[in-house]
Amino acid sequence: MFHTADPDDILKGRVTDVYFSRTLKILRAKGVNPSVKAEFIAKSLPDNWPWAVFAGLEEAMYLMKHLPIRLRAMREGTVF
């Protein structure tokens, strides 16, 4: 299912964007543990393509299945 990182590595934070590591460090230093909302958007597409196909929902749901969250997303395969 995953081609670039092992799901266990992702869930344990061994593979992440540096933004998340820095944010976690700051929140811990300040003693803050907020509830958060996340939104993922595509601001631009490679080579200025005018459209894309939404993919990866199944993989994202697999990673988050144990979390007490509500997930909303467009349908897999949606052209946007």
C-alpha atoms as a PDB file:
ATOM      1  CA  MET A   1       0.000   0.000   0.000  1.00  0.00           C
ATOM      2  CA  PHE A   2       2.728   2.505   0.937  1.00  0.00           C
ATOM      3  CA  HIS A   3       5.621   3.016  -1.452  1.00  0.00           C
ATOM      4  CA  THR A   4       7.788   5.648   0.241  1.00  0.00           C
ATOM      5  CA  ALA A   5       7.494   5.033   3.983  1.00  0.00           C
ATOM      6  CA  ASP A   6       6.413   2.253   6.288  1.00  0.00           C
ATOM      7  CA  PRO A   7       3.059   2.947   8.018  1.00  0.00           C
ATOM      8  CA  ASP A   8       4.629   2.266  11.425  1.00  0.00           C
ATOM      9  CA  ASP A   9       7.341   4.866  10.737  1.00  0.00           C
ATOM     10  CA  ILE A  10       4.686   7.404   9.771  1.00  0.00           C
ATOM     11  CA  LEU A  11       2.532   6.733  12.848  1.00  0.00           C
ATOM     12  CA  LYS A  12       5.516   6.935  15.205  1.00  0.00           C
ATOM     13  CA  GLY A  13       6.642  10.241  13.685  1.00  0.00           C
ATOM     14  CA  ARG A  14       9.884   8.877  12.253  1.00  0.00           C
ATOM     15  CA  VAL A  15       8.882  10.202   8.835  1.00  0.00           C
ATOM     16  CA  THR A  16       7.331  13.655   8.764  1.00  0.00           C
ATOM     17  CA  ASP A  17       7.631  17.140   7.360  1.00  0.00           C
ATOM     18  CA  VAL A  18      10.034  19.339   9.330  1.00  0.00           C
ATOM     19  CA  TYR A  19       7.135  21.769   9.896  1.00  0.00           C
ATOM     20  CA  PHE A  20       5.397  19.245  12.155  1.00  0.00           C
ATOM     21  CA  SER A  21       8.561  18.494  14.137  1.00  0.00           C
ATOM     22  CA  ARG A  22       9.199  22.190  14.762  1.00  0.00           C
ATOM     23  CA  THR A  23       5.586  22.846  15.709  1.00  0.00           C
ATOM     24  CA  LEU A  24       5.576  19.959  18.192  1.00  0.00           C
ATOM     25  CA  LYS A  25       8.808  21.219  19.769  1.00  0.00           C
ATOM     26  CA  ILE A  26       7.349  24.715  20.236  1.00  0.00           C
ATOM     27  CA  LEU A  27       4.045  23.441  21.651  1.00  0.00           C
ATOM     28  CA  ARG A  28       5.833  21.186  24.141  1.00  0.00           C
ATOM     29  CA  ALA A  29       8.167  24.001  25.216  1.00  0.00           C
ATOM     30  CA  LYS A  30       5.152  26.222  25.894  1.00  0.00           C
ATOM     31  CA  GLY A  31       3.193  23.440  27.605  1.00  0.00           C
ATOM     32  CA  VAL A  32       0.395  23.684  25.062  1.00  0.00           C
ATOM     33  CA  ASN A  33      -1.671  20.683  23.932  1.00  0.00           C
ATOM     34  CA  PRO A  34      -4.426  22.091  21.708  1.00  0.00           C
ATOM     35  CA  SER A  35      -7.165  20.376  19.779  1.00  0.00           C
ATOM     36  CA  VAL A  36      -6.410  20.993  16.146  1.00  0.00           C
ATOM     37  CA  LYS A  37      -8.075  20.918  12.767  1.00  0.00           C
ATOM     38  CA  ALA A  38      -6.193  20.091   9.620  1.00  0.00           C
ATOM     39  CA  GLU A  39      -6.962  21.018   6.070  1.00  0.00           C
ATOM     40  CA  PHE A  40      -5.023  19.883   3.045  1.00  0.00           C
ATOM     41  CA  ILE A  41      -5.201  21.886  -0.148  1.00  0.00           C
ATOM     42  CA  ALA A  42      -3.490  21.880  -3.525  1.00  0.00           C
ATOM     43  CA  LYS A  43      -2.369  25.440  -4.204  1.00  0.00           C
ATOM     44  CA  SER A  44      -0.659  24.539  -7.444  1.00  0.00           C
ATOM     45  CA  LEU A  45      -0.108  21.528  -9.654  1.00  0.00           C
ATOM     46  CA  PRO A  46       3.059  20.288 -11.383  1.00  0.00           C
ATOM     47  CA  ASP A  47       3.839  21.878 -14.724  1.00  0.00           C
ATOM     48  CA  ASN A  48       0.832  24.208 -14.283  1.00  0.00           C
ATOM     49  CA  TRP A  49      -1.622  21.429 -15.043  1.00  0.00           C
ATOM     50  CA  PRO A  50      -5.223  22.740 -14.995  1.00  0.00           C
ATOM     51  CA  TRP A  51      -6.607  19.633 -13.239  1.00  0.00           C
ATOM     52  CA  ALA A  52      -5.675  16.672 -11.025  1.00  0.00           C
ATOM     53  CA  VAL A  53      -7.218  13.448  -9.720  1.00  0.00           C
ATOM     54  CA  PHE A  54      -7.679  13.056  -5.964  1.00  0.00           C
ATOM     55  CA  ALA A  55      -5.924   9.905  -4.782  1.00  0.00           C
ATOM     56  CA  GLY A  56      -4.604   8.506  -1.518  1.00  0.00           C
ATOM     57  CA  LEU A  57      -7.772   8.551   0.583  1.00  0.00           C
ATOM     58  CA  GLU A  58      -7.556   4.837   1.357  1.00  0.00           C
ATOM     59  CA  GLU A  59      -3.963   5.210   2.589  1.00  0.00           C
ATOM     60  CA  ALA A  60      -4.808   8.252   4.706  1.00  0.00           C
ATOM     61  CA  MET A  61      -7.797   6.474   6.254  1.00  0.00           C
ATOM     62  CA  TYR A  62      -5.624   3.453   7.045  1.00  0.00           C
ATOM     63  CA  LEU A  63      -3.164   5.634   8.950  1.00  0.00           C
ATOM     64  CA  MET A  64      -5.895   7.430  10.895  1.00  0.00           C
ATOM     65  CA  LYS A  65      -8.257   4.527  11.603  1.00  0.00           C
ATOM     66  CA  HIS A  66      -7.253   4.318  15.271  1.00  0.00           C
ATOM     67  CA  LEU A  67      -7.655   8.042  15.956  1.00  0.00           C
ATOM     68  CA  PRO A  68     -10.790   9.596  17.482  1.00  0.00           C
ATOM     69  CA  ILE A  69     -11.331  11.950  14.547  1.00  0.00           C
ATOM     70  CA  ARG A  70     -13.893  12.924  11.960  1.00  0.00           C
ATOM     71  CA  LEU A  71     -12.596  12.841   8.415  1.00  0.00           C
ATOM     72  CA  ARG A  72     -14.254  14.560   5.494  1.00  0.00           C
ATOM     73  CA  ALA A  73     -12.890  14.312   1.975  1.00  0.00           C
ATOM     74  CA  MET A  74     -13.848  14.373  -1.649  1.00  0.00           C
ATOM     75  CA  ARG A  75     -14.325  10.956  -3.217  1.00  0.00           C
ATOM     76  CA  GLU A  76     -11.305   9.006  -4.409  1.00  0.00           C
ATOM     77  CA  GLY A  77     -10.846   9.625  -8.124  1.00  0.00           C
ATOM     78  CA  THR A  78     -12.488  13.058  -8.103  1.00  0.00           C
ATOM     79  CA  VAL A  79     -11.103  15.340 -10.802  1.00  0.00           C
ATOM     80  CA  PHE A  80     -10.467  18.827  -9.458  1.00  0.00           C
END
